[in-house]
Amino acid sequence: MSKMNKTINLYEARKNGTFQVASIPNVGLLQSIGLRTGSKVAVQHRFGLGGPVLLRVEDSFAVAIGKDVAKQISVREVVAP
């Protein structure tokens, strides 16, 4: 069983970490790409100077999320036992 850490926003999430979404803003596009409460994401890259966060959703596909939206998405890091 995996252990969950405290909630942080997606923009603060560390690169190469795996996270479970705790909450998302009411933005229909996020749900249409499979980003929902409980889904797992892996942060692949965070672009500098306020750029987007590139993440892999549910081990499936990569998508870039803008900084403003990423800051509204709460996640918890999934840590192996």
N, C-alpha and C. Protein backbone atom coordinates (compact mmCIF):
# COMPACT_ATOMS: atom_id res chain seq x y z
N MET A 1 0.85 -1.18 0.00
CA MET A 1 0.00 0.00 0.00
C MET A 1 0.89 1.24 0.00
N SER A 2 0.53 2.25 -0.78
CA SER A 2 1.35 3.45 -0.86
C SER A 2 0.94 4.47 0.20
N LYS A 3 1.88 5.28 0.57
CA LYS A 3 1.67 6.32 1.57
C LYS A 3 1.51 7.66 0.86
N MET A 4 0.57 8.48 1.33
CA MET A 4 0.32 9.78 0.71
C MET A 4 0.87 10.89 1.60
N ASN A 5 1.48 11.90 0.99
CA ASN A 5 2.01 13.05 1.69
C ASN A 5 1.00 14.18 1.70
N LYS A 6 1.44 15.34 2.19
CA LYS A 6 0.58 16.52 2.25
C LYS A 6 0.20 17.00 0.85
N THR A 7 -0.82 17.82 0.80
CA THR A 7 -1.30 18.36 -0.47
C THR A 7 -0.48 19.60 -0.85
N ILE A 8 -0.07 19.66 -2.12
CA ILE A 8 0.61 20.82 -2.68
C ILE A 8 -0.05 21.14 -4.01
N ASN A 9 0.28 22.29 -4.59
CA ASN A 9 -0.28 22.56 -5.92
C ASN A 9 0.62 21.94 -6.98
N LEU A 10 0.05 21.66 -8.12
CA LEU A 10 0.77 20.96 -9.19
C LEU A 10 1.99 21.73 -9.66
N TYR A 11 1.95 23.04 -9.61
CA TYR A 11 3.10 23.82 -10.06
C TYR A 11 4.31 23.63 -9.14
N GLU A 12 4.06 23.31 -7.86
CA GLU A 12 5.15 23.08 -6.90
C GLU A 12 5.66 21.64 -6.94
N ALA A 13 4.97 20.77 -7.64
CA ALA A 13 5.32 19.35 -7.66
C ALA A 13 6.68 19.13 -8.30
N ARG A 14 7.45 18.23 -7.73
CA ARG A 14 8.80 18.00 -8.24
C ARG A 14 8.81 17.18 -9.52
N LYS A 15 9.81 17.45 -10.33
CA LYS A 15 9.99 16.74 -11.59
C LYS A 15 10.25 15.26 -11.31
N ASN A 16 9.70 14.40 -12.15
CA ASN A 16 9.82 12.95 -12.08
C ASN A 16 9.06 12.34 -10.91
N GLY A 17 8.25 13.14 -10.22
CA GLY A 17 7.44 12.61 -9.14
C GLY A 17 6.09 12.12 -9.67
N THR A 18 5.49 11.19 -8.95
CA THR A 18 4.15 10.70 -9.29
C THR A 18 3.20 11.22 -8.23
N PHE A 19 2.08 11.76 -8.69
CA PHE A 19 1.14 12.42 -7.80
C PHE A 19 -0.29 11.98 -8.08
N GLN A 20 -1.11 12.02 -7.04
CA GLN A 20 -2.54 11.76 -7.19
C GLN A 20 -3.26 13.08 -7.03
N VAL A 21 -4.18 13.36 -7.95
CA VAL A 21 -4.92 14.62 -7.93
C VAL A 21 -5.90 14.61 -6.76
N ALA A 22 -5.81 15.65 -5.92
CA ALA A 22 -6.70 15.78 -4.77
C ALA A 22 -7.91 16.65 -5.12
N SER A 23 -7.69 17.70 -5.91
CA SER A 23 -8.79 18.56 -6.35
C SER A 23 -8.35 19.34 -7.58
N ILE A 24 -9.34 19.69 -8.41
CA ILE A 24 -9.07 20.47 -9.62
C ILE A 24 -10.10 21.60 -9.71
N PRO A 25 -9.74 22.68 -10.42
CA PRO A 25 -10.73 23.75 -10.62
C PRO A 25 -11.80 23.27 -11.60
N ASN A 26 -12.90 23.97 -11.63
CA ASN A 26 -14.00 23.61 -12.52
C ASN A 26 -13.71 24.10 -13.94
N VAL A 27 -12.81 23.39 -14.61
CA VAL A 27 -12.43 23.70 -15.98
C VAL A 27 -12.70 22.45 -16.80
N GLY A 28 -13.71 22.52 -17.67
CA GLY A 28 -14.14 21.35 -18.43
C GLY A 28 -13.03 20.68 -19.23
N LEU A 29 -12.09 21.47 -19.74
CA LEU A 29 -11.01 20.90 -20.53
C LEU A 29 -10.18 19.91 -19.72
N LEU A 30 -9.98 20.18 -18.44
CA LEU A 30 -9.19 19.27 -17.60
C LEU A 30 -9.84 17.90 -17.53
N GLN A 31 -11.14 17.85 -17.34
CA GLN A 31 -11.83 16.56 -17.27
C GLN A 31 -11.81 15.86 -18.61
N SER A 32 -11.87 16.61 -19.70
CA SER A 32 -11.88 15.99 -21.02
C SER A 32 -10.55 15.33 -21.36
N ILE A 33 -9.46 15.75 -20.72
CA ILE A 33 -8.17 15.09 -20.95
C ILE A 33 -7.88 14.02 -19.89
N GLY A 34 -8.85 13.74 -19.05
CA GLY A 34 -8.70 12.68 -18.06
C GLY A 34 -8.14 13.12 -16.73
N LEU A 35 -8.01 14.41 -16.52
CA LEU A 35 -7.50 14.92 -15.25
C LEU A 35 -8.68 15.12 -14.31
N ARG A 36 -8.82 14.20 -13.38
CA ARG A 36 -9.93 14.20 -12.43
C ARG A 36 -9.40 13.93 -11.02
N THR A 37 -10.21 14.21 -10.03
CA THR A 37 -9.84 13.87 -8.66
C THR A 37 -9.57 12.37 -8.59
N GLY A 38 -8.42 12.02 -8.06
CA GLY A 38 -8.03 10.61 -7.93
C GLY A 38 -7.14 10.11 -9.05
N SER A 39 -7.07 10.82 -10.17
CA SER A 39 -6.20 10.34 -11.25
C SER A 39 -4.74 10.57 -10.88
N LYS A 40 -3.86 9.77 -11.50
CA LYS A 40 -2.43 9.87 -11.23
C LYS A 40 -1.74 10.59 -12.38
N VAL A 41 -0.80 11.45 -12.01
CA VAL A 41 -0.03 12.20 -12.99
C VAL A 41 1.45 12.12 -12.61
N ALA A 42 2.30 12.20 -13.62
CA ALA A 42 3.74 12.25 -13.40
C ALA A 42 4.26 13.54 -14.02
N VAL A 43 4.97 14.32 -13.24
CA VAL A 43 5.52 15.58 -13.74
C VAL A 43 6.78 15.27 -14.54
N GLN A 44 6.76 15.62 -15.83
CA GLN A 44 7.90 15.36 -16.69
C GLN A 44 8.83 16.56 -16.79
N HIS A 45 8.26 17.77 -16.77
CA HIS A 45 9.08 18.97 -16.90
C HIS A 45 8.29 20.19 -16.45
N ARG A 46 8.98 21.11 -15.82
CA ARG A 46 8.37 22.40 -15.47
C ARG A 46 9.22 23.45 -16.17
N PHE A 47 8.62 24.15 -17.11
CA PHE A 47 9.34 25.16 -17.89
C PHE A 47 9.56 26.40 -17.04
N GLY A 48 10.71 27.02 -17.18
CA GLY A 48 11.07 28.19 -16.40
C GLY A 48 10.30 29.44 -16.80
N LEU A 49 10.55 30.49 -16.06
CA LEU A 49 9.96 31.81 -16.31
C LEU A 49 8.44 31.79 -16.35
N GLY A 50 7.83 30.99 -15.49
CA GLY A 50 6.37 30.95 -15.40
C GLY A 50 5.71 30.17 -16.51
N GLY A 51 6.47 29.32 -17.17
CA GLY A 51 5.91 28.50 -18.25
C GLY A 51 5.08 27.35 -17.72
N PRO A 52 4.59 26.51 -18.62
CA PRO A 52 3.70 25.42 -18.22
C PRO A 52 4.41 24.24 -17.57
N VAL A 53 3.61 23.34 -17.04
CA VAL A 53 4.08 22.07 -16.48
C VAL A 53 3.70 20.98 -17.48
N LEU A 54 4.66 20.15 -17.86
CA LEU A 54 4.39 19.04 -18.76
C LEU A 54 4.20 17.80 -17.90
N LEU A 55 3.04 17.14 -18.04
CA LEU A 55 2.79 15.95 -17.24
C LEU A 55 2.21 14.82 -18.06
N ARG A 56 2.40 13.63 -17.52
CA ARG A 56 1.84 12.42 -18.13
C ARG A 56 0.64 12.05 -17.28
N VAL A 57 -0.51 11.89 -17.93
CA VAL A 57 -1.76 11.58 -17.23
C VAL A 57 -2.02 10.08 -17.30
N GLU A 58 -2.15 9.45 -16.11
CA GLU A 58 -2.49 8.02 -16.01
C GLU A 58 -1.60 7.14 -16.90
N ASP A 59 -0.30 7.41 -16.94
CA ASP A 59 0.64 6.62 -17.75
C ASP A 59 0.22 6.53 -19.20
N SER A 60 -0.48 7.53 -19.69
CA SER A 60 -1.02 7.46 -21.04
C SER A 60 -0.38 8.47 -21.98
N PHE A 61 -0.69 9.73 -21.83
CA PHE A 61 -0.22 10.74 -22.77
C PHE A 61 0.29 11.96 -22.01
N ALA A 62 1.09 12.76 -22.69
CA ALA A 62 1.65 13.97 -22.09
C ALA A 62 0.81 15.18 -22.48
N VAL A 63 0.69 16.10 -21.55
CA VAL A 63 -0.07 17.33 -21.79
C VAL A 63 0.59 18.45 -21.00
N ALA A 64 0.56 19.65 -21.55
CA ALA A 64 1.10 20.82 -20.85
C ALA A 64 -0.06 21.59 -20.21
N ILE A 65 0.12 21.95 -18.95
CA ILE A 65 -0.87 22.71 -18.20
C ILE A 65 -0.24 24.05 -17.83
N GLY A 66 -0.90 25.15 -18.15
CA GLY A 66 -0.38 26.49 -17.84
C GLY A 66 -0.19 26.70 -16.35
N LYS A 67 0.74 27.57 -16.01
CA LYS A 67 1.07 27.84 -14.60
C LYS A 67 -0.15 28.24 -13.78
N ASP A 68 -0.99 29.14 -14.30
CA ASP A 68 -2.14 29.61 -13.53
C ASP A 68 -3.10 28.48 -13.19
N VAL A 69 -3.33 27.58 -14.12
CA VAL A 69 -4.22 26.44 -13.87
C VAL A 69 -3.51 25.42 -12.96
N ALA A 70 -2.23 25.17 -13.22
CA ALA A 70 -1.46 24.20 -12.42
C ALA A 70 -1.46 24.59 -10.94
N LYS A 71 -1.44 25.88 -10.65
CA LYS A 71 -1.46 26.34 -9.26
C LYS A 71 -2.80 26.08 -8.58
N GLN A 72 -3.84 25.84 -9.36
CA GLN A 72 -5.17 25.57 -8.80
C GLN A 72 -5.46 24.08 -8.64
N ILE A 73 -4.54 23.23 -9.09
CA ILE A 73 -4.71 21.78 -8.99
C ILE A 73 -3.94 21.29 -7.78
N SER A 74 -4.64 20.68 -6.83
CA SER A 74 -4.00 20.13 -5.62
C SER A 74 -3.65 18.68 -5.85
N VAL A 75 -2.42 18.30 -5.46
CA VAL A 75 -1.96 16.92 -5.62
C VAL A 75 -1.26 16.46 -4.36
N ARG A 76 -1.16 15.13 -4.24
CA ARG A 76 -0.38 14.49 -3.17
C ARG A 76 0.61 13.55 -3.82
N GLU A 77 1.85 13.60 -3.35
CA GLU A 77 2.85 12.70 -3.92
C GLU A 77 2.57 11.28 -3.49
N VAL A 78 2.68 10.36 -4.44
CA VAL A 78 2.52 8.94 -4.16
C VAL A 78 3.90 8.38 -3.88
N VAL A 79 4.08 7.85 -2.66
CA VAL A 79 5.37 7.33 -2.25
C VAL A 79 5.26 5.82 -2.07
N ALA A 80 6.19 5.11 -2.70
CA ALA A 80 6.19 3.64 -2.57
C ALA A 80 6.48 3.27 -1.12
N PRO A 81 5.96 2.14 -0.66
CA PRO A 81 6.18 1.73 0.74
C PRO A 81 7.62 1.41 1.03
